[in-house]
Amino acid sequence: EFRVTGDHDRFKWTAGLYYFNEDEFVENRAVLNSVLVGGA
């Protein structure tokens, strides 16, 4: 993030730029019992 601010007596201001980058890996394994689907 980059910011610049100013203070001019009755007027105060701020402005800026923001950048975000993310790489994510997600794995979800549900090991089941086959009895749930009518198996052994």
PDB file of all heavy atoms in Angstrom:
ATOM      1  N   GLU A   1       0.840  -1.197   0.000  1.00  0.00           N
ATOM      2  CA  GLU A   1       0.000   0.000   0.000  1.00  0.00           C
ATOM      3  C   GLU A   1       0.872   1.242   0.000  1.00  0.00           C
ATOM      4  O   GLU A   1       1.887   1.308   0.705  1.00  0.00           O
ATOM      5  CB  GLU A   1      -0.930   0.005   1.227  1.00  0.00           C
ATOM      6  CG  GLU A   1      -1.901   1.180   1.229  1.00  0.00           C
ATOM      7  CD  GLU A   1      -2.998   1.039   2.282  1.00  0.00           C
ATOM      8  OE1 GLU A   1      -3.774   0.079   2.172  1.00  0.00           O
ATOM      9  OE2 GLU A   1      -3.052   1.860   3.200  1.00  0.00           O
ATOM     10  N   PHE A   2       0.493   2.192  -0.808  1.00  0.00           N
ATOM     11  CA  PHE A   2       1.192   3.480  -0.887  1.00  0.00           C
ATOM     12  C   PHE A   2       0.198   4.580  -0.549  1.00  0.00           C
ATOM     13  O   PHE A   2      -0.891   4.621  -1.121  1.00  0.00           O
ATOM     14  CB  PHE A   2       1.755   3.694  -2.296  1.00  0.00           C
ATOM     15  CG  PHE A   2       2.295   5.077  -2.520  1.00  0.00           C
ATOM     16  CD1 PHE A   2       3.544   5.436  -2.030  1.00  0.00           C
ATOM     17  CD2 PHE A   2       1.557   6.014  -3.230  1.00  0.00           C
ATOM     18  CE1 PHE A   2       4.047   6.710  -2.241  1.00  0.00           C
ATOM     19  CE2 PHE A   2       2.045   7.298  -3.441  1.00  0.00           C
ATOM     20  CZ  PHE A   2       3.299   7.646  -2.950  1.00  0.00           C
ATOM     21  N   ARG A   3       0.557   5.452   0.362  1.00  0.00           N
ATOM     22  CA  ARG A   3      -0.334   6.533   0.770  1.00  0.00           C
ATOM     23  C   ARG A   3       0.370   7.877   0.724  1.00  0.00           C
ATOM     24  O   ARG A   3       1.565   7.970   0.999  1.00  0.00           O
ATOM     25  CB  ARG A   3      -0.840   6.310   2.201  1.00  0.00           C
ATOM     26  CG  ARG A   3      -1.882   5.226   2.337  1.00  0.00           C
ATOM     27  CD  ARG A   3      -2.557   5.306   3.690  1.00  0.00           C
ATOM     28  NE  ARG A   3      -3.544   4.258   3.867  1.00  0.00           N
ATOM     29  CZ  ARG A   3      -4.444   4.244   4.849  1.00  0.00           C
ATOM     30  NH1 ARG A   3      -4.445   5.229   5.737  1.00  0.00           N
ATOM     31  NH2 ARG A   3      -5.317   3.269   4.950  1.00  0.00           N
ATOM     32  N   VAL A   4      -0.391   8.914   0.434  1.00  0.00           N
ATOM     33  CA  VAL A   4       0.089  10.281   0.534  1.00  0.00           C
ATOM     34  C   VAL A   4      -1.012  11.088   1.227  1.00  0.00           C
ATOM     35  O   VAL A   4      -2.202  10.875   0.969  1.00  0.00           O
ATOM     36  CB  VAL A   4       0.427  10.868  -0.865  1.00  0.00           C
ATOM     37  CG1 VAL A   4      -0.777  10.807  -1.788  1.00  0.00           C
ATOM     38  CG2 VAL A   4       0.938  12.293  -0.741  1.00  0.00           C
ATOM     39  N   THR A   5      -0.618  11.950   2.144  1.00  0.00           N
ATOM     40  CA  THR A   5      -1.591  12.734   2.902  1.00  0.00           C
ATOM     41  C   THR A   5      -1.221  14.205   2.860  1.00  0.00           C
ATOM     42  O   THR A   5      -0.062  14.579   2.621  1.00  0.00           O
ATOM     43  CB  THR A   5      -1.650  12.285   4.380  1.00  0.00           C
ATOM     44  OG1 THR A   5      -0.367  12.525   4.984  1.00  0.00           O
ATOM     45  CG2 THR A   5      -1.987  10.803   4.483  1.00  0.00           C
ATOM     46  N   GLY A   6      -2.223  15.035   3.091  1.00  0.00           N
ATOM     47  CA  GLY A   6      -2.006  16.479   3.112  1.00  0.00           C
ATOM     48  C   GLY A   6      -2.846  17.149   4.177  1.00  0.00           C
ATOM     49  O   GLY A   6      -3.937  16.668   4.511  1.00  0.00           O
ATOM     50  N   ASP A   7      -2.337  18.248   4.705  1.00  0.00           N
ATOM     51  CA  ASP A   7      -3.037  19.016   5.741  1.00  0.00           C
ATOM     52  C   ASP A   7      -2.890  20.492   5.398  1.00  0.00           C
ATOM     53  O   ASP A   7      -1.794  21.054   5.475  1.00  0.00           O
ATOM     54  CB  ASP A   7      -2.430  18.705   7.118  1.00  0.00           C
ATOM     55  CG  ASP A   7      -3.234  19.314   8.253  1.00  0.00           C
ATOM     56  OD1 ASP A   7      -4.043  20.227   7.986  1.00  0.00           O
ATOM     57  OD2 ASP A   7      -3.058  18.877   9.403  1.00  0.00           O
ATOM     58  N   HIS A   8      -3.999  21.109   4.972  1.00  0.00           N
ATOM     59  CA  HIS A   8      -3.976  22.497   4.533  1.00  0.00           C
ATOM     60  C   HIS A   8      -5.004  23.299   5.336  1.00  0.00           C
ATOM     61  O   HIS A   8      -6.069  23.645   4.831  1.00  0.00           O
ATOM     62  CB  HIS A   8      -4.266  22.597   3.033  1.00  0.00           C
ATOM     63  CG  HIS A   8      -3.459  21.647   2.202  1.00  0.00           C
ATOM     64  ND1 HIS A   8      -2.150  21.885   1.855  1.00  0.00           N
ATOM     65  CD2 HIS A   8      -3.769  20.439   1.662  1.00  0.00           C
ATOM     66  CE1 HIS A   8      -1.688  20.883   1.117  1.00  0.00           C
ATOM     67  NE2 HIS A   8      -2.660  19.989   0.998  1.00  0.00           N
ATOM     68  N   ASP A   9      -4.688  23.533   6.586  1.00  0.00           N
ATOM     69  CA  ASP A   9      -5.556  24.303   7.473  1.00  0.00           C
ATOM     70  C   ASP A   9      -6.924  23.640   7.579  1.00  0.00           C
ATOM     71  O   ASP A   9      -7.080  22.649   8.289  1.00  0.00           O
ATOM     72  CB  ASP A   9      -5.665  25.749   6.985  1.00  0.00           C
ATOM     73  CG  ASP A   9      -6.324  26.660   8.009  1.00  0.00           C
ATOM     74  OD1 ASP A   9      -6.331  26.277   9.202  1.00  0.00           O
ATOM     75  OD2 ASP A   9      -6.835  27.724   7.631  1.00  0.00           O
ATOM     76  N   ARG A  10      -7.918  24.109   6.837  1.00  0.00           N
ATOM     77  CA  ARG A  10      -9.273  23.566   6.962  1.00  0.00           C
ATOM     78  C   ARG A  10      -9.490  22.304   6.122  1.00  0.00           C
ATOM     79  O   ARG A  10     -10.526  21.650   6.241  1.00  0.00           O
ATOM     80  CB  ARG A  10     -10.303  24.617   6.540  1.00  0.00           C
ATOM     81  CG  ARG A  10     -10.452  25.751   7.547  1.00  0.00           C
ATOM     82  CD  ARG A  10     -11.558  26.706   7.123  1.00  0.00           C
ATOM     83  NE  ARG A  10     -11.816  27.713   8.146  1.00  0.00           N
ATOM     84  CZ  ARG A  10     -12.679  27.558   9.142  1.00  0.00           C
ATOM     85  NH1 ARG A  10     -13.365  26.432   9.240  1.00  0.00           N
ATOM     86  NH2 ARG A  10     -12.855  28.504  10.033  1.00  0.00           N
ATOM     87  N   PHE A  11      -8.550  21.960   5.264  1.00  0.00           N
ATOM     88  CA  PHE A  11      -8.736  20.809   4.377  1.00  0.00           C
ATOM     89  C   PHE A  11      -7.656  19.767   4.634  1.00  0.00           C
ATOM     90  O   PHE A  11      -6.462  20.056   4.562  1.00  0.00           O
ATOM     91  CB  PHE A  11      -8.684  21.271   2.916  1.00  0.00           C
ATOM     92  CG  PHE A  11      -8.883  20.154   1.932  1.00  0.00           C
ATOM     93  CD1 PHE A  11     -10.025  19.363   1.971  1.00  0.00           C
ATOM     94  CD2 PHE A  11      -7.930  19.896   0.957  1.00  0.00           C
ATOM     95  CE1 PHE A  11     -10.216  18.341   1.056  1.00  0.00           C
ATOM     96  CE2 PHE A  11      -8.113  18.871   0.032  1.00  0.00           C
ATOM     97  CZ  PHE A  11      -9.262  18.095   0.086  1.00  0.00           C
ATOM     98  N   LYS A  12      -8.099  18.546   4.942  1.00  0.00           N
ATOM     99  CA  LYS A  12      -7.181  17.423   5.162  1.00  0.00           C
ATOM    100  C   LYS A  12      -7.573  16.296   4.206  1.00  0.00           C
ATOM    101  O   LYS A  12      -8.757  16.042   3.994  1.00  0.00           O
ATOM    102  CB  LYS A  12      -7.253  16.929   6.612  1.00  0.00           C
ATOM    103  CG  LYS A  12      -6.895  17.974   7.651  1.00  0.00           C
ATOM    104  CD  LYS A  12      -7.059  17.432   9.062  1.00  0.00           C
ATOM    105  CE  LYS A  12      -6.662  18.452  10.107  1.00  0.00           C
ATOM    106  NZ  LYS A  12      -7.510  19.672  10.044  1.00  0.00           N
ATOM    107  N   TRP A  13      -6.581  15.635   3.633  1.00  0.00           N
ATOM    108  CA  TRP A  13      -6.882  14.613   2.640  1.00  0.00           C
ATOM    109  C   TRP A  13      -5.867  13.487   2.689  1.00  0.00           C
ATOM    110  O   TRP A  13      -4.759  13.634   3.214  1.00  0.00           O
ATOM    111  CB  TRP A  13      -6.924  15.224   1.238  1.00  0.00           C
ATOM    112  CG  TRP A  13      -5.631  15.895   0.829  1.00  0.00           C
ATOM    113  CD1 TRP A  13      -5.271  17.184   1.072  1.00  0.00           C
ATOM    114  CD2 TRP A  13      -4.529  15.287   0.148  1.00  0.00           C
ATOM    115  NE1 TRP A  13      -4.017  17.429   0.574  1.00  0.00           N
ATOM    116  CE2 TRP A  13      -3.536  16.286  -0.006  1.00  0.00           C
ATOM    117  CE3 TRP A  13      -4.295  14.015  -0.356  1.00  0.00           C
ATOM    118  CZ2 TRP A  13      -2.324  16.025  -0.635  1.00  0.00           C
ATOM    119  CZ3 TRP A  13      -3.086  13.754  -0.995  1.00  0.00           C
ATOM    120  CH2 TRP A  13      -2.130  14.756  -1.133  1.00  0.00           C
ATOM    121  N   THR A  14      -6.281  12.350   2.130  1.00  0.00           N
ATOM    122  CA  THR A  14      -5.388  11.214   1.960  1.00  0.00           C
ATOM    123  C   THR A  14      -5.785  10.481   0.686  1.00  0.00           C
ATOM    124  O   THR A  14      -6.960  10.465   0.302  1.00  0.00           O
ATOM    125  CB  THR A  14      -5.449  10.261   3.170  1.00  0.00           C
ATOM    126  OG1 THR A  14      -4.504   9.210   3.009  1.00  0.00           O
ATOM    127  CG2 THR A  14      -6.835   9.651   3.319  1.00  0.00           C
ATOM    128  N   ALA A  15      -4.800   9.904   0.012  1.00  0.00           N
ATOM    129  CA  ALA A  15      -5.051   9.140  -1.208  1.00  0.00           C
ATOM    130  C   ALA A  15      -4.042   8.007  -1.269  1.00  0.00           C
ATOM    131  O   ALA A  15      -2.978   8.069  -0.636  1.00  0.00           O
ATOM    132  CB  ALA A  15      -4.945  10.028  -2.446  1.00  0.00           C
ATOM    133  N   GLY A  16      -4.367   6.968  -2.033  1.00  0.00           N
ATOM    134  CA  GLY A  16      -3.427   5.865  -2.069  1.00  0.00           C
ATOM    135  C   GLY A  16      -3.781   4.790  -3.068  1.00  0.00           C
ATOM    136  O   GLY A  16      -4.833   4.820  -3.723  1.00  0.00           O
ATOM    137  N   LEU A  17      -2.862   3.824  -3.163  1.00  0.00           N
ATOM    138  CA  LEU A  17      -3.009   2.656  -4.017  1.00  0.00           C
ATOM    139  C   LEU A  17      -2.768   1.405  -3.182  1.00  0.00           C
ATOM    140  O   LEU A  17      -1.943   1.421  -2.260  1.00  0.00           O
ATOM    141  CB  LEU A  17      -2.006   2.691  -5.168  1.00  0.00           C
ATOM    142  CG  LEU A  17      -2.077   3.892  -6.108  1.00  0.00           C
ATOM    143  CD1 LEU A  17      -0.883   3.892  -7.052  1.00  0.00           C
ATOM    144  CD2 LEU A  17      -3.380   3.891  -6.897  1.00  0.00           C
ATOM    145  N   TYR A  18      -3.476   0.326  -3.516  1.00  0.00           N
ATOM    146  CA  TYR A  18      -3.361  -0.924  -2.763  1.00  0.00           C
ATOM    147  C   TYR A  18      -3.277  -2.086  -3.748  1.00  0.00           C
ATOM    148  O   TYR A  18      -3.952  -2.089  -4.789  1.00  0.00           O
ATOM    149  CB  TYR A  18      -4.573  -1.109  -1.844  1.00  0.00           C
ATOM    150  CG  TYR A  18      -4.593  -2.430  -1.111  1.00  0.00           C
ATOM    151  CD1 TYR A  18      -3.808  -2.642   0.019  1.00  0.00           C
ATOM    152  CD2 TYR A  18      -5.412  -3.470  -1.550  1.00  0.00           C
ATOM    153  CE1 TYR A  18      -3.831  -3.858   0.681  1.00  0.00           C
ATOM    154  CE2 TYR A  18      -5.443  -4.687  -0.887  1.00  0.00           C
ATOM    155  CZ  TYR A  18      -4.647  -4.879   0.228  1.00  0.00           C
ATOM    156  OH  TYR A  18      -4.664  -6.072   0.877  1.00  0.00           O
ATOM    157  N   TYR A  19      -2.464  -3.098  -3.401  1.00  0.00           N
ATOM    158  CA  TYR A  19      -2.344  -4.286  -4.237  1.00  0.00           C
ATOM    159  C   TYR A  19      -2.243  -5.511  -3.338  1.00  0.00           C
ATOM    160  O   TYR A  19      -1.574  -5.494  -2.304  1.00  0.00           O
ATOM    161  CB  TYR A  19      -1.106  -4.216  -5.130  1.00  0.00           C
ATOM    162  CG  TYR A  19      -0.875  -5.484  -5.920  1.00  0.00           C
ATOM    163  CD1 TYR A  19      -1.697  -5.818  -6.994  1.00  0.00           C
ATOM    164  CD2 TYR A  19       0.144  -6.365  -5.576  1.00  0.00           C
ATOM    165  CE1 TYR A  19      -1.508  -6.999  -7.709  1.00  0.00           C
ATOM    166  CE2 TYR A  19       0.352  -7.545  -6.286  1.00  0.00           C
ATOM    167  CZ  TYR A  19      -0.481  -7.852  -7.349  1.00  0.00           C
ATOM    168  OH  TYR A  19      -0.291  -9.020  -8.037  1.00  0.00           O
ATOM    169  N   PHE A  20      -2.917  -6.599  -3.762  1.00  0.00           N
ATOM    170  CA  PHE A  20      -2.907  -7.851  -3.004  1.00  0.00           C
ATOM    171  C   PHE A  20      -2.849  -9.018  -3.979  1.00  0.00           C
ATOM    172  O   PHE A  20      -3.555  -9.035  -4.993  1.00  0.00           O
ATOM    173  CB  PHE A  20      -4.163  -7.955  -2.139  1.00  0.00           C
ATOM    174  CG  PHE A  20      -4.311  -9.267  -1.414  1.00  0.00           C
ATOM    175  CD1 PHE A  20      -3.655  -9.496  -0.213  1.00  0.00           C
ATOM    176  CD2 PHE A  20      -5.108 -10.276  -1.939  1.00  0.00           C
ATOM    177  CE1 PHE A  20      -3.793 -10.706   0.450  1.00  0.00           C
ATOM    178  CE2 PHE A  20      -5.256 -11.487  -1.281  1.00  0.00           C
ATOM    179  CZ  PHE A  20      -4.587 -11.701  -0.081  1.00  0.00           C
ATOM    180  N   ASN A  21      -2.015 -10.001  -3.679  1.00  0.00           N
ATOM    181  CA  ASN A  21      -1.888 -11.201  -4.499  1.00  0.00           C
ATOM    182  C   ASN A  21      -1.810 -12.418  -3.589  1.00  0.00           C
ATOM    183  O   ASN A  21      -1.082 -12.413  -2.596  1.00  0.00           O
ATOM    184  CB  ASN A  21      -0.638 -11.122  -5.381  1.00  0.00           C
ATOM    185  CG  ASN A  21      -0.349 -12.435  -6.080  1.00  0.00           C
ATOM    186  OD1 ASN A  21       0.384 -13.279  -5.566  1.00  0.00           O
ATOM    187  ND2 ASN A  21      -0.932 -12.625  -7.250  1.00  0.00           N
ATOM    188  N   GLU A  22      -2.577 -13.463  -3.913  1.00  0.00           N
ATOM    189  CA  GLU A  22      -2.547 -14.679  -3.101  1.00  0.00           C
ATOM    190  C   GLU A  22      -2.628 -15.908  -3.999  1.00  0.00           C
ATOM    191  O   GLU A  22      -3.421 -15.961  -4.943  1.00  0.00           O
ATOM    192  CB  GLU A  22      -3.710 -14.706  -2.108  1.00  0.00           C
ATOM    193  CG  GLU A  22      -3.702 -15.943  -1.214  1.00  0.00           C
ATOM    194  CD  GLU A  22      -4.880 -15.987  -0.255  1.00  0.00           C
ATOM    195  OE1 GLU A  22      -5.987 -15.562  -0.651  1.00  0.00           O
ATOM    196  OE2 GLU A  22      -4.696 -16.450   0.883  1.00  0.00           O
ATOM    197  N   ASP A  23      -1.791 -16.896  -3.685  1.00  0.00           N
ATOM    198  CA  ASP A  23      -1.873 -18.232  -4.278  1.00  0.00           C
ATOM    199  C   ASP A  23      -2.258 -19.200  -3.175  1.00  0.00           C
ATOM    200  O   ASP A  23      -1.617 -19.229  -2.114  1.00  0.00           O
ATOM    201  CB  ASP A  23      -0.532 -18.653  -4.879  1.00  0.00           C
ATOM    202  CG  ASP A  23      -0.218 -17.883  -6.150  1.00  0.00           C
ATOM    203  OD1 ASP A  23      -1.151 -17.337  -6.753  1.00  0.00           O
ATOM    204  OD2 ASP A  23       0.964 -17.821  -6.530  1.00  0.00           O
ATOM    205  N   GLU A  24      -3.297 -19.990  -3.428  1.00  0.00           N
ATOM    206  CA  GLU A  24      -3.814 -20.868  -2.373  1.00  0.00           C
ATOM    207  C   GLU A  24      -4.143 -22.244  -2.953  1.00  0.00           C
ATOM    208  O   GLU A  24      -4.703 -22.353  -4.050  1.00  0.00           O
ATOM    209  CB  GLU A  24      -5.063 -20.250  -1.758  1.00  0.00           C
ATOM    210  CG  GLU A  24      -5.633 -21.018  -0.578  1.00  0.00           C
ATOM    211  CD  GLU A  24      -6.803 -20.294   0.054  1.00  0.00           C
ATOM    212  OE1 GLU A  24      -7.306 -19.332  -0.549  1.00  0.00           O
ATOM    213  OE2 GLU A  24      -7.221 -20.705   1.149  1.00  0.00           O
ATOM    214  N   PHE A  25      -3.782 -23.280  -2.218  1.00  0.00           N
ATOM    215  CA  PHE A  25      -4.164 -24.643  -2.565  1.00  0.00           C
ATOM    216  C   PHE A  25      -4.981 -25.217  -1.424  1.00  0.00           C
ATOM    217  O   PHE A  25      -4.589 -25.127  -0.260  1.00  0.00           O
ATOM    218  CB  PHE A  25      -2.934 -25.521  -2.811  1.00  0.00           C
ATOM    219  CG  PHE A  25      -3.297 -26.966  -3.048  1.00  0.00           C
ATOM    220  CD1 PHE A  25      -3.783 -27.377  -4.279  1.00  0.00           C
ATOM    221  CD2 PHE A  25      -3.173 -27.911  -2.026  1.00  0.00           C
ATOM    222  CE1 PHE A  25      -4.136 -28.711  -4.499  1.00  0.00           C
ATOM    223  CE2 PHE A  25      -3.521 -29.240  -2.240  1.00  0.00           C
ATOM    224  CZ  PHE A  25      -3.997 -29.637  -3.481  1.00  0.00           C
ATOM    225  N   VAL A  26      -6.115 -25.804  -1.765  1.00  0.00           N
ATOM    226  CA  VAL A  26      -7.006 -26.389  -0.763  1.00  0.00           C
ATOM    227  C   VAL A  26      -7.364 -27.805  -1.188  1.00  0.00           C
ATOM    228  O   VAL A  26      -7.736 -28.051  -2.337  1.00  0.00           O
ATOM    229  CB  VAL A  26      -8.293 -25.549  -0.603  1.00  0.00           C
ATOM    230  CG1 VAL A  26      -9.192 -26.173   0.450  1.00  0.00           C
ATOM    231  CG2 VAL A  26      -7.963 -24.121  -0.228  1.00  0.00           C
ATOM    232  N   GLU A  27      -7.244 -28.734  -0.244  1.00  0.00           N
ATOM    233  CA  GLU A  27      -7.605 -30.131  -0.496  1.00  0.00           C
ATOM    234  C   GLU A  27      -8.480 -30.626   0.653  1.00  0.00           C
ATOM    235  O   GLU A  27      -8.147 -30.454   1.824  1.00  0.00           O
ATOM    236  CB  GLU A  27      -6.351 -30.999  -0.605  1.00  0.00           C
ATOM    237  CG  GLU A  27      -6.655 -32.472  -0.786  1.00  0.00           C
ATOM    238  CD  GLU A  27      -5.421 -33.338  -0.640  1.00  0.00           C
ATOM    239  OE1 GLU A  27      -4.360 -32.809  -0.246  1.00  0.00           O
ATOM    240  OE2 GLU A  27      -5.518 -34.550  -0.900  1.00  0.00           O
ATOM    241  N   ASN A  28      -9.597 -31.209   0.306  1.00  0.00           N
ATOM    242  CA  ASN A  28     -10.541 -31.716   1.305  1.00  0.00           C
ATOM    243  C   ASN A  28     -10.881 -33.161   0.935  1.00  0.00           C
ATOM    244  O   ASN A  28     -11.516 -33.403  -0.087  1.00  0.00           O
ATOM    245  CB  ASN A  28     -11.799 -30.839   1.318  1.00  0.00           C
ATOM    246  CG  ASN A  28     -12.703 -31.147   2.488  1.00  0.00           C
ATOM    247  OD1 ASN A  28     -12.770 -32.276   2.949  1.00  0.00           O
ATOM    248  ND2 ASN A  28     -13.415 -30.146   2.959  1.00  0.00           N
ATOM    249  N   ARG A  29     -10.457 -34.119   1.775  1.00  0.00           N
ATOM    250  CA  ARG A  29     -10.727 -35.535   1.531  1.00  0.00           C
ATOM    251  C   ARG A  29     -11.640 -36.067   2.633  1.00  0.00           C
ATOM    252  O   ARG A  29     -11.298 -35.984   3.806  1.00  0.00           O
ATOM    253  CB  ARG A  29      -9.434 -36.337   1.500  1.00  0.00           C
ATOM    254  CG  ARG A  29      -8.497 -36.020   0.340  1.00  0.00           C
ATOM    255  CD  ARG A  29      -7.260 -36.875   0.449  1.00  0.00           C
ATOM    256  NE  ARG A  29      -6.303 -36.611  -0.614  1.00  0.00           N
ATOM    257  CZ  ARG A  29      -6.027 -37.469  -1.596  1.00  0.00           C
ATOM    258  NH1 ARG A  29      -6.643 -38.635  -1.644  1.00  0.00           N
ATOM    259  NH2 ARG A  29      -5.137 -37.172  -2.514  1.00  0.00           N
ATOM    260  N   ALA A  30     -12.766 -36.630   2.234  1.00  0.00           N
ATOM    261  CA  ALA A  30     -13.692 -37.251   3.179  1.00  0.00           C
ATOM    262  C   ALA A  30     -13.645 -38.759   2.969  1.00  0.00           C
ATOM    263  O   ALA A  30     -14.190 -39.280   1.988  1.00  0.00           O
ATOM    264  CB  ALA A  30     -15.102 -36.721   2.985  1.00  0.00           C
ATOM    265  N   VAL A  31     -12.956 -39.450   3.870  1.00  0.00           N
ATOM    266  CA  VAL A  31     -12.875 -40.912   3.806  1.00  0.00           C
ATOM    267  C   VAL A  31     -14.164 -41.467   4.402  1.00  0.00           C
ATOM    268  O   VAL A  31     -14.500 -41.182   5.555  1.00  0.00           O
ATOM    269  CB  VAL A  31     -11.637 -41.415   4.563  1.00  0.00           C
ATOM    270  CG1 VAL A  31     -11.615 -42.932   4.588  1.00  0.00           C
ATOM    271  CG2 VAL A  31     -10.367 -40.866   3.919  1.00  0.00           C
ATOM    272  N   LEU A  32     -14.865 -42.266   3.615  1.00  0.00           N
ATOM    273  CA  LEU A  32     -16.185 -42.753   4.034  1.00  0.00           C
ATOM    274  C   LEU A  32     -16.158 -44.259   4.291  1.00  0.00           C
ATOM    275  O   LEU A  32     -15.267 -44.972   3.850  1.00  0.00           O
ATOM    276  CB  LEU A  32     -17.229 -42.443   2.962  1.00  0.00           C
ATOM    277  CG  LEU A  32     -17.425 -40.987   2.583  1.00  0.00           C
ATOM    278  CD1 LEU A  32     -18.490 -40.875   1.498  1.00  0.00           C
ATOM    279  CD2 LEU A  32     -17.821 -40.165   3.798  1.00  0.00           C
ATOM    280  N   ASN A  33     -17.178 -44.723   4.980  1.00  0.00           N
ATOM    281  CA  ASN A  33     -17.429 -46.147   5.130  1.00  0.00           C
ATOM    282  C   ASN A  33     -18.453 -46.526   4.064  1.00  0.00           C
ATOM    283  O   ASN A  33     -19.506 -45.891   3.947  1.00  0.00           O
ATOM    284  CB  ASN A  33     -17.970 -46.454   6.525  1.00  0.00           C
ATOM    285  CG  ASN A  33     -17.905 -47.925   6.850  1.00  0.00           C
ATOM    286  OD1 ASN A  33     -18.362 -48.760   6.072  1.00  0.00           O
ATOM    287  ND2 ASN A  33     -17.342 -48.242   8.014  1.00  0.00           N
ATOM    288  N   SER A  34     -18.155 -47.557   3.287  1.00  0.00           N
ATOM    289  CA  SER A  34     -19.046 -47.901   2.176  1.00  0.00           C
ATOM    290  C   SER A  34     -20.415 -48.373   2.652  1.00  0.00           C
ATOM    291  O   SER A  34     -21.353 -48.472   1.853  1.00  0.00           O
ATOM    292  CB  SER A  34     -18.405 -48.962   1.279  1.00  0.00           C
ATOM    293  OG  SER A  34     -18.145 -50.146   2.011  1.00  0.00           O
ATOM    294  N   VAL A  35     -20.563 -48.640   3.966  1.00  0.00           N
ATOM    295  CA  VAL A  35     -21.876 -49.009   4.477  1.00  0.00           C
ATOM    296  C   VAL A  35     -22.868 -47.863   4.273  1.00  0.00           C
ATOM    297  O   VAL A  35     -24.086 -48.077   4.202  1.00  0.00           O
ATOM    298  CB  VAL A  35     -21.774 -49.404   5.970  1.00  0.00           C
ATOM    299  CG1 VAL A  35     -21.530 -48.170   6.839  1.00  0.00           C
ATOM    300  CG2 VAL A  35     -23.034 -50.136   6.429  1.00  0.00           C
ATOM    301  N   LEU A  36     -22.353 -46.627   4.161  1.00  0.00           N
ATOM    302  CA  LEU A  36     -23.228 -45.465   3.962  1.00  0.00           C
ATOM    303  C   LEU A  36     -23.942 -45.508   2.619  1.00  0.00           C
ATOM    304  O   LEU A  36     -24.982 -44.869   2.441  1.00  0.00           O
ATOM    305  CB  LEU A  36     -22.415 -44.174   4.074  1.00  0.00           C
ATOM    306  CG  LEU A  36     -21.799 -43.870   5.452  1.00  0.00           C
ATOM    307  CD1 LEU A  36     -20.898 -42.660   5.378  1.00  0.00           C
ATOM    308  CD2 LEU A  36     -22.895 -43.655   6.489  1.00  0.00           C
ATOM    309  N   VAL A  37     -23.368 -46.258   1.658  1.00  0.00           N
ATOM    310  CA  VAL A  37     -23.999 -46.358   0.339  1.00  0.00           C
ATOM    311  C   VAL A  37     -24.437 -47.787   0.049  1.00  0.00           C
ATOM    312  O   VAL A  37     -24.544 -48.203  -1.104  1.00  0.00           O
ATOM    313  CB  VAL A  37     -23.031 -45.849  -0.757  1.00  0.00           C
ATOM    314  CG1 VAL A  37     -22.819 -44.358  -0.637  1.00  0.00           C
ATOM    315  CG2 VAL A  37     -21.701 -46.589  -0.694  1.00  0.00           C
ATOM    316  N   GLY A  38     -24.668 -48.544   1.142  1.00  0.00           N
ATOM    317  CA  GLY A  38     -25.191 -49.894   0.992  1.00  0.00           C
ATOM    318  C   GLY A  38     -24.155 -50.963   0.752  1.00  0.00           C
ATOM    319  O   GLY A  38     -24.503 -52.098   0.396  1.00  0.00           O
ATOM    320  N   GLY A  39     -22.865 -50.644   0.982  1.00  0.00           N
ATOM    321  CA  GLY A  39     -21.810 -51.612   0.772  1.00  0.00           C
ATOM    322  C   GLY A  39     -21.398 -52.282   2.063  1.00  0.00           C
ATOM    323  O   GLY A  39     -22.094 -52.237   3.084  1.00  0.00           O
ATOM    324  N   ALA A  40     -20.224 -52.933   2.012  1.00  0.00           N
ATOM    325  CA  ALA A  40     -19.686 -53.601   3.193  1.00  0.00           C
ATOM    326  C   ALA A  40     -19.186 -52.577   4.201  1.00  0.00           C
ATOM    327  O   ALA A  40     -18.960 -51.411   3.881  1.00  0.00           O
ATOM    328  CB  ALA A  40     -18.550 -54.550   2.772  1.00  0.00           C
TER     329      ALA A  40
END
